[in-house]
C-alpha cells in the first residue's frame, strides 16, 4: 500500500525521504513537532557596535602607576579590569579598548569619569532608516546571529505607547486564561495556518457527489512567508538564499516571474509574482506552482493563469486601503489576498497598516465572507511582536520584506519606502549557506516569541488569534474613553 500523497507530519508538508531507507518508508511519516534548526551565524561584514569607549591614555598611565605604588607592586591587583565584559582585557588593556565587547552598562565611566567616557557609535546610527531604526536592526541581527529571543536584563524603560504598532498592546489575563507553556515543549501550541479557498459549506447532489465550490487549501507550519525582494537586491545568490530558506522552513517565498525564468529557479516553495508585462513569460515557467500571485488586478491575465494552471491557487496582490475593491475581487473569484503597504507601513492614503488591516478584515466579516478567504499582509512589519499584533488585527499570515534584508546585513541606502524605488546593498562576502542559516535563526526566534504571546493568551492554536480584538488594547481607543469629556482633548 503506497503512502498518502499528502501527509501532515506534525505541521510538516511533504516530509523528506531519508536516503538510508527505501522510498516511501512509513517511518518517514511519523509525527514530529515543527522545529526550525538554529546554529550560530556570525556577521560576515563589519557590524558597528552601539557604543564607543574613549580612554585618556595619559590619565590611565598615571592611574596604573598610582595603583602599583599603592599595592606595593602587586600587578594582579593593580592591573585588574573594571569591565566584566572584557572591554579592557586586550593585550594592552585600556590603551586599546575592545569596543565590540561593550554593552553600554557604563560601570567604567561611573567609577572613573575623569578617565573613561562612553559615547554612541556614529556608524551605528547610520543603520536602517527613520522607520527601521538602528535599535531594531540591532535586534534583528542578534536574532539572526543566535536564533534566540533577545532579553534585556534591565527591563523595558521606554514609553508605553506611541505611533504605529506601539499604539497597540496585547491583553493577557492570567486569571481567566491560564498560561500555556509551549516554548519549552511541555505543552503543544500550533502555529500552522491554512491558505487557500475555503467554501462556507458543502453541497451534494442526489447521487451524493459534492457539487459547487470545493475546499482547496494547503498548510504552512508558521504564519510567515517571504515577500518579493526589492529590485536593487535581485540576484541569483539572493534568490537562492530565499528559496532555500523557504524550503527548509516549509513556507513559501514570493519571487518575480522574470527572475525565476532568468535564473532557472523552481520548486513548490516558490510563489511566482506575475504582472501584466509577464504574461508572455508564463509559457517559460518550468514548474507548476502551488500558488501564483497576481500583481494587481487584470481580468484577462487572471483568466489566462487559471486556464494554464488550473491546479494552482491564485493570490491577488493588492494595496491596503480599499475594502470595496477587495469585495469586488472576491466576487470575481479571488479567495487569497496579499495586502501590501510600503516599507514604512503606510497605505496609499497615508494611513498606517494596523488600521488598514482591521478595515480589510472587518469588511469581509460584515459581508459574511471572512472564513472563505485568506488574508496575507506585508509592509511595516519589522519586529517579532508585530506578527501576533497583525494576526490579531485580522491577517492569517504575514510576509517578511525588510527584516530579511536586515538579517543578511544589507545596508539601507537612504529612506526605503517601496519595493521599486528603495535601494539596499548586500555584503560582498554573502554566501548561500550563511544566508539560509541567518534566515532560519530569525524565523526560529520570531516563532518562539509568537509562542510566548500565544501561551500568555492561553491559546493552543494561532488560527484562533486571527481577528481576536478582545485580546488587544488600542491606545487611541483607551484615551478616547478616558479623556473625551475633558475640555481640550484632541486639540
Protein backbone atom coordinates (compact mmCIF):
# COMPACT_ATOMS: atom_id res chain seq x y z
CA UNK A 1 0.00 0.00 0.00
CA UNK A 2 1.67 3.29 -1.02
CA UNK A 3 1.86 6.17 1.44
CA UNK A 4 -0.52 9.09 1.01
CA UNK A 5 0.45 11.82 -1.43
CA UNK A 6 -0.03 14.41 1.28
CA UNK A 7 0.59 13.65 4.94
CA UNK A 8 0.77 16.13 7.79
CA UNK A 9 3.87 15.30 9.83
CA UNK A 10 3.35 17.49 12.86
CA UNK A 11 2.98 20.55 10.69
CA UNK A 12 5.43 19.50 8.02
CA UNK A 13 4.43 19.50 4.38
CA UNK A 14 5.86 16.64 2.31
CA UNK A 15 8.48 15.43 4.83
CA UNK A 16 11.75 14.46 3.10
CA UNK A 17 12.51 10.80 2.39
CA UNK A 18 15.62 9.58 4.23
CA UNK A 19 18.26 8.28 1.86
CA UNK A 20 19.19 5.39 4.16
CA UNK A 21 15.72 3.85 3.77
CA UNK A 22 13.65 2.76 0.80
CA UNK A 23 11.49 5.46 -0.74
CA UNK A 24 8.08 5.91 0.92
CA UNK A 25 9.10 4.13 4.13
CA UNK A 26 6.33 4.58 6.71
CA UNK A 27 8.79 5.67 9.43
CA UNK A 28 9.47 8.80 7.39
CA UNK A 29 5.88 9.90 8.05
CA UNK A 30 5.94 9.62 11.83
CA UNK A 31 4.56 12.54 13.80
CA UNK A 32 7.10 15.25 14.60
CA UNK A 33 6.71 18.66 16.13
CA UNK A 34 7.67 21.50 13.86
CA UNK A 35 11.13 22.81 14.65
CA UNK A 36 13.45 25.30 12.98
CA UNK A 37 17.07 24.25 13.46
CA UNK A 38 19.31 27.04 14.73
CA UNK A 39 23.07 27.44 14.64
CA UNK A 40 25.30 30.46 15.37
CA UNK A 41 25.84 32.57 12.26
CA UNK A 42 28.22 35.44 12.96
CA UNK A 43 28.29 38.61 10.87
CA UNK A 44 30.35 38.38 7.69
CA UNK A 45 30.62 42.15 7.28
CA UNK A 46 31.73 44.68 9.91
CA UNK A 47 28.80 45.48 12.17
CA UNK A 48 29.07 48.69 14.21
CA UNK A 49 28.70 48.42 17.96
CA UNK A 50 26.21 50.67 19.73
CA UNK A 51 28.89 52.40 21.80
CA UNK A 52 32.46 53.66 21.55
CA UNK A 53 34.76 53.73 24.57
CA UNK A 54 37.34 56.51 24.83
CA UNK A 55 40.12 56.38 27.40
CA UNK A 56 42.54 59.20 28.25
CA UNK A 57 45.83 57.34 27.89
CA UNK A 58 47.84 59.80 29.99
CA UNK A 59 45.31 59.54 32.79
CA UNK A 60 45.27 55.73 32.55
CA UNK A 61 49.08 55.53 32.76
CA UNK A 62 49.08 57.81 35.81
CA UNK A 63 46.34 55.74 37.42
CA UNK A 64 48.22 52.46 36.87
CA UNK A 65 51.39 53.94 38.35
CA UNK A 66 49.50 55.05 41.45
CA UNK A 67 47.91 51.63 41.79
CA UNK A 68 51.31 49.88 41.61
CA UNK A 69 52.67 52.15 44.35
CA UNK A 70 49.54 51.77 46.48
CA UNK A 71 49.54 47.98 46.29
CA UNK A 72 53.34 47.65 46.54
CA UNK A 73 53.90 46.23 43.10
CA UNK A 74 51.08 43.67 43.19
CA UNK A 75 50.40 43.58 39.45
CA UNK A 76 47.40 41.28 39.74
CA UNK A 77 45.54 43.86 41.83
CA UNK A 78 46.87 46.97 40.10
CA UNK A 79 46.02 45.70 36.63
CA UNK A 80 42.56 44.33 37.47
CA UNK A 81 39.99 45.42 34.91
CA UNK A 82 36.85 47.40 35.81
CA UNK A 83 34.85 45.75 32.95
CA UNK A 84 33.34 42.28 33.36
CA UNK A 85 32.60 42.14 29.62
CA UNK A 86 36.26 42.30 28.60
CA UNK A 87 36.42 45.77 27.03
CA UNK A 88 39.78 46.38 28.74
CA UNK A 89 41.07 42.78 28.62
CA UNK A 90 43.02 43.07 25.38
CA UNK A 91 46.82 42.79 25.09
CA UNK A 92 47.35 46.41 26.21
CA UNK A 93 44.21 46.75 28.30
CA UNK A 94 42.55 50.13 28.37
CA UNK A 95 45.09 51.68 25.99
CA UNK A 96 43.17 49.92 23.17
CA UNK A 97 39.58 49.25 24.33
CA UNK A 98 37.68 46.47 22.56
CA UNK A 99 34.51 48.33 21.59
CA UNK A 100 32.75 45.24 20.27
CA UNK A 101 32.60 43.87 23.85
CA UNK A 102 30.90 46.97 25.29
CA UNK A 103 27.23 46.55 26.25
CA UNK A 104 26.77 50.11 27.49
CA UNK A 105 26.48 49.31 31.22
CA UNK A 106 28.53 52.48 31.98
CA UNK A 107 30.29 50.95 35.01
CA UNK A 108 33.67 52.17 33.79
CA UNK A 109 32.65 55.78 33.32
CA UNK A 110 30.76 55.81 36.64
CA UNK A 111 33.85 54.60 38.53
CA UNK A 112 36.39 56.65 36.57
CA UNK A 113 34.55 59.60 34.97
CA UNK A 114 37.74 61.65 34.69
CA UNK A 115 39.43 58.92 32.63
CA UNK A 116 36.80 56.91 30.70
CA UNK A 117 33.81 58.06 28.64
CA UNK A 118 31.30 56.03 26.64
CA UNK A 119 29.75 57.63 23.54
CA UNK A 120 27.20 56.44 20.94
CA UNK A 121 28.89 54.98 17.88
CA UNK A 122 28.22 57.25 14.86
CA UNK A 123 28.34 54.29 12.45
CA UNK A 124 25.59 52.54 14.39
CA UNK A 125 23.28 55.50 13.90
CA UNK A 126 23.51 55.04 10.12
CA UNK A 127 21.85 51.60 10.23
CA UNK A 128 18.31 51.32 8.85
CA UNK A 129 16.27 54.44 8.20
CA UNK A 130 13.75 56.63 10.00
CA UNK A 131 11.24 53.75 10.36
CA UNK A 132 13.53 50.73 10.65
CA UNK A 133 15.61 52.26 13.43
CA UNK A 134 19.20 51.25 14.33
CA UNK A 135 17.95 49.63 17.55
CA UNK A 136 15.56 47.43 15.58
CA UNK A 137 18.29 46.50 13.09
CA UNK A 138 20.46 45.60 16.08
CA UNK A 139 17.71 43.33 17.43
CA UNK A 140 17.16 41.63 14.05
CA UNK A 141 20.89 40.94 13.73
CA UNK A 142 21.01 39.43 17.21
CA UNK A 143 18.08 37.14 16.37
CA UNK A 144 19.64 36.16 13.03
CA UNK A 145 23.02 35.57 14.66
CA UNK A 146 21.84 33.41 17.56
CA UNK A 147 18.28 32.24 16.88
CA UNK A 148 17.41 33.24 20.44
CA UNK A 149 14.93 35.67 21.98
CA UNK A 150 16.59 39.00 22.86
CA UNK A 151 16.33 39.66 26.59
CA UNK A 152 17.32 42.90 28.30
CA UNK A 153 18.02 42.26 31.97
CA UNK A 154 17.43 45.88 32.97
CA UNK A 155 13.83 45.65 31.75
CA UNK A 156 11.97 47.94 29.39
CA UNK A 157 12.34 51.63 30.24
CA UNK A 158 10.86 53.21 27.15
CA UNK A 159 7.42 54.75 26.57
CA UNK A 160 4.38 52.53 26.95
CA UNK A 161 2.61 53.90 23.90
CA UNK A 162 3.29 55.66 20.66
CA UNK A 163 2.58 55.69 16.97
CA UNK A 164 2.01 52.71 14.72
CA UNK A 165 2.37 49.29 16.33
CA UNK A 166 3.34 50.91 19.63
CA UNK A 167 -0.24 52.14 19.94
CA UNK A 168 -1.48 48.55 20.35
CA UNK A 169 -0.98 46.29 23.36
CA UNK A 170 -1.80 42.61 23.76
CA UNK A 171 -4.13 41.97 26.71
CA UNK A 172 -3.17 38.87 28.69
CA UNK A 173 -5.17 37.93 31.80
CA UNK A 174 -3.70 35.10 33.86
CA UNK A 175 -6.86 34.92 35.96
CA UNK A 176 -9.31 33.98 33.20
CA UNK A 177 -6.85 32.47 30.70
CA UNK A 178 -4.26 30.13 32.24
CA UNK A 179 -0.86 30.42 30.61
CA UNK A 180 0.23 27.69 28.21
CA UNK A 181 3.84 26.54 28.25
CA UNK A 182 4.64 25.82 24.64
CA UNK A 183 8.04 27.42 24.14
CA UNK A 184 9.72 24.85 26.40
CA UNK A 185 7.97 21.91 24.79
CA UNK A 186 5.87 20.86 27.78
CA UNK A 187 2.62 21.81 26.07
CA UNK A 188 1.93 21.86 22.33
CA UNK A 189 0.91 25.12 20.65
CA UNK A 190 0.17 25.04 16.94
CA UNK A 191 1.47 27.83 14.71
CA UNK A 192 0.14 26.26 11.49
CA UNK A 193 -2.18 28.26 9.23
CA UNK A 194 -4.25 27.34 6.18
CA UNK A 195 -4.05 29.21 2.88
CA UNK A 196 -6.48 28.86 0.02
CA UNK A 197 -10.11 28.60 -0.94
CA UNK A 198 -12.48 27.61 1.88
CA UNK A 199 -16.20 27.40 0.92
CA UNK A 200 -18.68 28.21 3.70
CA UNK A 201 -20.49 24.88 3.33
CA UNK A 202 -20.58 21.72 1.24
CA UNK A 203 -23.46 20.79 -1.06
CA UNK A 204 -24.26 17.39 -2.57
CA UNK A 205 -26.48 16.18 -5.41
CA UNK A 206 -28.97 13.32 -5.27
CA UNK A 207 -26.23 10.80 -6.01
CA UNK A 208 -24.21 12.00 -3.02
CA UNK A 209 -21.46 13.66 -5.05
CA UNK A 210 -20.13 17.02 -3.95
CA UNK A 211 -21.21 19.97 -6.06
CA UNK A 212 -20.28 23.65 -6.15
CA UNK A 213 -17.06 25.07 -4.76
CA UNK A 214 -14.67 22.64 -3.12
CA UNK A 215 -12.07 23.37 -0.49
CA UNK A 216 -8.60 23.90 -1.92
CA UNK A 217 -6.15 24.74 0.84
CA UNK A 218 -2.62 23.98 1.91
CA UNK A 219 -0.98 24.48 5.28
CA UNK A 220 2.27 26.05 6.38
CA UNK A 221 3.67 25.39 9.86
CA UNK A 222 4.44 29.01 10.63
CA UNK A 223 2.38 32.12 9.72
CA UNK A 224 5.32 33.76 7.95
CA UNK A 225 6.14 33.88 4.24
CA UNK A 226 8.88 35.76 2.38
CA UNK A 227 7.77 38.70 0.28
CA UNK A 228 9.18 39.65 -3.10
CA UNK A 229 12.58 41.39 -2.72
CA UNK A 230 13.24 44.97 -3.86
CA UNK A 231 14.67 45.33 -7.35
CA UNK A 232 18.05 46.56 -6.04
CA UNK A 233 18.95 43.17 -4.46
CA UNK A 234 17.51 40.75 -7.03
CA UNK A 235 20.35 38.40 -7.94
CA UNK A 236 20.87 34.68 -8.37
CA UNK A 237 22.54 34.29 -4.97
CA UNK A 238 19.93 36.26 -3.05
CA UNK A 239 17.02 34.41 -4.66
CA UNK A 240 18.75 31.09 -3.96
CA UNK A 241 19.01 32.06 -0.27
CA UNK A 242 15.35 33.00 -0.02
CA UNK A 243 14.15 29.92 -1.92
CA UNK A 244 16.35 27.55 0.09
CA UNK A 245 15.33 29.13 3.41
CA UNK A 246 11.66 28.80 2.46
CA UNK A 247 12.17 25.14 1.62
CA UNK A 248 13.93 24.36 4.91
CA UNK A 249 11.31 26.26 6.95
CA UNK A 250 8.49 24.66 4.92
CA UNK A 251 6.99 28.01 3.99
CA UNK A 252 6.81 29.99 0.74
CA UNK A 253 8.71 32.77 -0.98
CA UNK A 254 7.15 35.24 -3.41
CA UNK A 255 9.63 35.80 -6.26
CA UNK A 256 9.30 37.73 -9.55
CA UNK A 257 8.49 35.55 -12.54
CA UNK A 258 11.10 37.17 -14.78
CA UNK A 259 13.90 36.40 -12.29
CA UNK A 260 12.69 32.81 -11.88
CA UNK A 261 12.98 32.22 -15.62
CA UNK A 262 16.28 34.09 -15.88
CA UNK A 263 17.97 32.13 -13.07
CA UNK A 264 16.16 28.81 -13.73
CA UNK A 265 14.73 28.59 -10.21
CA UNK A 266 11.87 26.26 -9.42
CA UNK A 267 10.27 24.41 -6.52
CA UNK A 268 6.96 24.06 -4.73
CA UNK A 269 8.14 26.57 -2.09
CA UNK A 270 8.17 29.35 -4.73
CA UNK A 271 5.18 31.60 -5.47
CA UNK A 272 5.74 33.37 -8.82
CA UNK A 273 4.73 37.04 -8.90
CA UNK A 274 3.13 37.75 -12.26
CA UNK A 275 2.43 41.23 -13.63
CA UNK A 276 0.85 42.38 -16.88
CA UNK A 277 4.28 42.57 -18.51
CA UNK A 278 4.96 38.92 -17.61
CA UNK A 279 2.01 37.43 -19.48
CA UNK A 280 4.20 36.05 -22.27
CA UNK A 281 6.75 34.69 -19.77
CA UNK A 282 4.16 32.31 -18.28
CA UNK A 283 4.90 29.83 -21.05
CA UNK A 284 8.55 29.66 -19.87
CA UNK A 285 7.67 28.69 -16.29
CA UNK A 286 9.35 25.32 -15.67
CA UNK A 287 7.08 24.00 -12.91
CA UNK A 288 3.51 24.10 -11.68
CA UNK A 289 3.44 26.24 -8.55
CA UNK A 290 1.12 25.61 -5.65
CA UNK A 291 0.13 29.28 -5.72
CA UNK A 292 0.61 32.15 -8.18
CA UNK A 293 0.45 35.78 -7.10
CA UNK A 294 -1.11 38.28 -9.47
CA UNK A 295 0.50 41.73 -9.18
CA UNK A 296 -2.60 43.94 -9.44
CA UNK A 297 -5.96 43.02 -10.90
CA UNK A 298 -6.10 42.17 -14.58
CA UNK A 299 -9.08 40.06 -15.63
CA UNK A 300 -7.52 38.81 -18.85
CA UNK A 301 -4.34 37.73 -17.06
CA UNK A 302 -6.39 36.16 -14.26
CA UNK A 303 -8.30 34.01 -16.76
CA UNK A 304 -5.09 33.08 -18.57
CA UNK A 305 -3.43 31.93 -15.35
CA UNK A 306 -6.50 29.96 -14.33
CA UNK A 307 -6.56 28.28 -17.76
CA UNK A 308 -2.87 27.39 -17.83
CA UNK A 309 -2.52 26.45 -14.14
CA UNK A 310 -5.88 25.01 -13.18
CA UNK A 311 -4.46 23.30 -10.08
CA UNK A 312 -2.74 26.43 -8.73
CA UNK A 313 -4.32 28.81 -6.23
CA UNK A 314 -4.36 32.41 -7.45
CA UNK A 315 -3.48 35.15 -4.97
CA UNK A 316 -4.12 38.82 -5.70
CA UNK A 317 -1.51 41.34 -4.58
CA UNK A 318 -3.41 44.49 -3.67
CA UNK A 319 -2.70 47.78 -1.91
CA UNK A 320 -4.21 48.16 1.53
CA UNK A 321 -6.89 50.78 1.85
CA UNK A 322 -9.80 49.93 -0.45
CA UNK A 323 -12.16 47.41 1.15
CA UNK A 324 -14.82 47.81 -1.55
CA UNK A 325 -12.37 46.73 -4.23
CA UNK A 326 -11.42 43.66 -2.20
CA UNK A 327 -15.05 42.55 -2.06
CA UNK A 328 -15.37 43.22 -5.78
CA UNK A 329 -12.40 40.96 -6.49
CA UNK A 330 -13.87 38.33 -4.20
CA UNK A 331 -16.92 38.18 -6.43
CA UNK A 332 -14.56 37.85 -9.41
CA UNK A 333 -13.19 34.63 -7.96
CA UNK A 334 -10.24 35.66 -5.78
CA UNK A 335 -10.00 33.87 -2.44
CA UNK A 336 -6.43 34.70 -1.34
CA UNK A 337 -5.36 38.32 -0.95
CA UNK A 338 -1.86 39.67 -0.31
CA UNK A 339 -2.44 43.13 1.17
CA UNK A 340 0.55 45.41 0.80
CA UNK A 341 1.68 48.66 2.43
CA UNK A 342 5.01 50.36 1.81
CA UNK A 343 8.11 49.53 3.87
CA UNK A 344 7.13 52.16 6.44
CA UNK A 345 3.73 50.55 6.90
CA UNK A 346 1.73 53.27 5.12
CA UNK A 347 -1.04 52.74 2.60
CA UNK A 348 -1.68 54.91 -0.47
CA UNK A 349 -3.81 57.27 1.62
CA UNK A 350 -1.15 57.66 4.34
CA UNK A 351 -2.88 55.56 6.98
CA UNK A 352 -0.88 53.02 8.97
CA UNK A 353 -1.03 49.31 8.23
CA UNK A 354 -2.55 48.45 11.63
CA UNK A 355 -5.74 50.39 10.88
CA UNK A 356 -5.83 49.23 7.27
CA UNK A 357 -5.66 45.55 8.24
CA UNK A 358 -8.53 45.99 10.69
CA UNK A 359 -10.58 47.69 7.99
CA UNK A 360 -9.98 44.93 5.41
CA UNK A 361 -10.73 42.20 7.93
CA UNK A 362 -13.87 43.99 9.10
CA UNK A 363 -15.15 44.40 5.54
CA UNK A 364 -15.12 40.63 4.96
CA UNK A 365 -16.64 39.99 8.40
CA UNK A 366 -19.54 42.35 7.66
CA UNK A 367 -20.05 40.68 4.28
CA UNK A 368 -20.13 37.26 5.98
CA UNK A 369 -17.19 36.05 3.84
CA UNK A 370 -14.21 36.20 6.19
CA UNK A 371 -13.85 32.45 6.70
CA UNK A 372 -13.84 31.89 2.95
CA UNK A 373 -10.75 33.99 2.20
CA UNK A 374 -7.12 34.13 3.28
CA UNK A 375 -5.53 37.49 4.05
CA UNK A 376 -1.76 37.81 3.83
CA UNK A 377 -0.02 41.09 4.60
CA UNK A 378 3.34 42.82 4.31
CA UNK A 379 4.84 46.24 4.83
CA UNK A 380 5.79 47.85 8.12
CA UNK A 381 6.15 44.52 9.97
CA UNK A 382 9.73 44.70 11.21
CA UNK A 383 9.73 43.13 14.69
CA UNK A 384 8.67 39.80 16.17
CA UNK A 385 5.96 41.48 18.24
CA UNK A 386 4.33 42.82 15.06
CA UNK A 387 3.43 39.29 13.90
CA UNK A 388 0.87 38.49 16.65
CA UNK A 389 -0.39 42.07 16.51
CA UNK A 390 -1.01 41.81 12.74
CA UNK A 391 -2.81 38.48 13.23
CA UNK A 392 -4.99 39.93 15.98
CA UNK A 393 -5.89 42.77 13.61
CA UNK A 394 -7.12 40.23 11.04
CA UNK A 395 -4.33 38.70 8.96
CA UNK A 396 -3.92 34.96 8.54
CA UNK A 397 -0.18 35.24 7.92
CA UNK A 398 2.45 37.89 7.20
CA UNK A 399 5.14 38.18 4.52
CA UNK A 400 8.58 39.43 5.51
CA UNK A 401 10.41 42.03 3.46
CA UNK A 402 12.98 44.40 5.03
CA UNK A 403 13.67 42.18 8.11
CA UNK A 404 15.14 39.59 5.72
CA UNK A 405 17.48 42.22 4.33
CA UNK A 406 18.50 43.38 7.81
CA UNK A 407 19.20 39.77 8.82
CA UNK A 408 21.51 39.45 5.81
CA UNK A 409 23.34 42.66 6.80
CA UNK A 410 22.02 44.70 3.88
CA UNK A 411 22.70 48.42 4.23
CA UNK A 412 19.80 50.82 3.75
CA UNK A 413 20.83 53.45 1.22
CA UNK A 414 18.66 56.39 2.26
CA UNK A 415 14.97 56.24 3.11
CA UNK A 416 13.48 52.94 1.92
CA UNK A 417 9.76 53.23 1.22
CA UNK A 418 8.78 50.84 -1.57
CA UNK A 419 9.92 47.78 -3.49
CA UNK A 420 10.95 49.55 -6.69
CA UNK A 421 12.48 52.84 -5.55
CA UNK A 422 14.31 51.68 -2.41
CA UNK A 423 17.99 50.81 -2.60
CA UNK A 424 19.89 48.31 -0.47
CA UNK A 425 23.44 46.96 -0.61
CA UNK A 426 24.19 43.38 0.37
CA UNK A 427 27.58 42.25 1.76
CA UNK A 428 30.14 41.25 -0.86
CA UNK A 429 31.01 38.06 1.01
CA UNK A 430 27.40 36.86 1.01
CA UNK A 431 27.12 33.07 0.70
CA UNK A 432 24.07 30.86 0.32
CA UNK A 433 24.73 28.64 3.36
CA UNK A 434 25.36 31.60 5.65
CA UNK A 435 22.31 33.45 4.37
CA UNK A 436 20.00 30.46 4.81
CA UNK A 437 21.17 29.93 8.39
CA UNK A 438 20.67 33.61 9.26
CA UNK A 439 17.11 33.49 7.93
CA UNK A 440 16.41 30.23 9.75
CA UNK A 441 17.70 31.71 13.01
CA UNK A 442 15.44 34.74 12.54
CA UNK A 443 12.39 32.55 11.95
CA UNK A 444 13.17 30.40 14.98
CA UNK A 445 13.44 33.46 17.22
CA UNK A 446 10.23 35.01 15.88
CA UNK A 447 8.32 31.76 16.24
CA UNK A 448 9.44 31.36 19.85
CA UNK A 449 8.25 34.89 20.57
CA UNK A 450 4.92 34.10 18.90
CA UNK A 451 4.63 31.03 21.12
CA UNK A 452 5.25 33.22 24.16
CA UNK A 453 2.36 35.50 23.21
CA UNK A 454 0.05 32.58 22.44
CA UNK A 455 1.00 30.94 25.72
CA UNK A 456 0.31 34.12 27.66
CA UNK A 457 -3.06 34.37 25.93
CA UNK A 458 -3.90 30.79 26.88
CA UNK A 459 -4.27 29.68 23.24
CA UNK A 460 -3.09 26.46 21.64
CA UNK A 461 -3.68 27.45 18.02
CA UNK A 462 -2.58 30.63 16.24
CA UNK A 463 -5.63 30.42 13.97
CA UNK A 464 -7.81 31.29 16.97
CA UNK A 465 -5.79 34.51 17.34
CA UNK A 466 -6.96 35.90 13.98
CA UNK A 467 -9.19 38.93 14.47
CA UNK A 468 -9.33 38.37 18.24
CA UNK A 469 -9.60 42.08 19.05
CA UNK A 470 -10.72 41.19 22.58
CA UNK A 471 -7.12 40.17 23.29
CA UNK A 472 -5.83 43.63 22.42
CA UNK A 473 -5.98 47.21 23.67
CA UNK A 474 -5.56 50.26 21.47
CA UNK A 475 -4.11 53.43 22.90
CA UNK A 476 -6.33 55.75 20.86
CA UNK A 477 -9.49 53.95 21.99
CA UNK A 478 -8.46 53.96 25.65
CA UNK A 479 -7.55 57.64 25.57
CA UNK A 480 -10.84 58.48 23.85
CA UNK A 481 -12.81 56.63 26.53
CA UNK A 482 -10.86 58.24 29.36
CA UNK A 483 -10.49 61.83 28.15
CA UNK A 484 -13.21 62.52 25.55
CA UNK A 485 -15.25 64.53 28.06
CA UNK A 486 -12.34 66.72 29.13
CA UNK A 487 -12.02 70.16 27.58
CA UNK A 488 -9.03 70.43 25.28
CA UNK A 489 -8.74 66.71 24.47
CA UNK A 490 -7.86 66.09 20.83
CA UNK A 491 -6.63 69.60 20.13
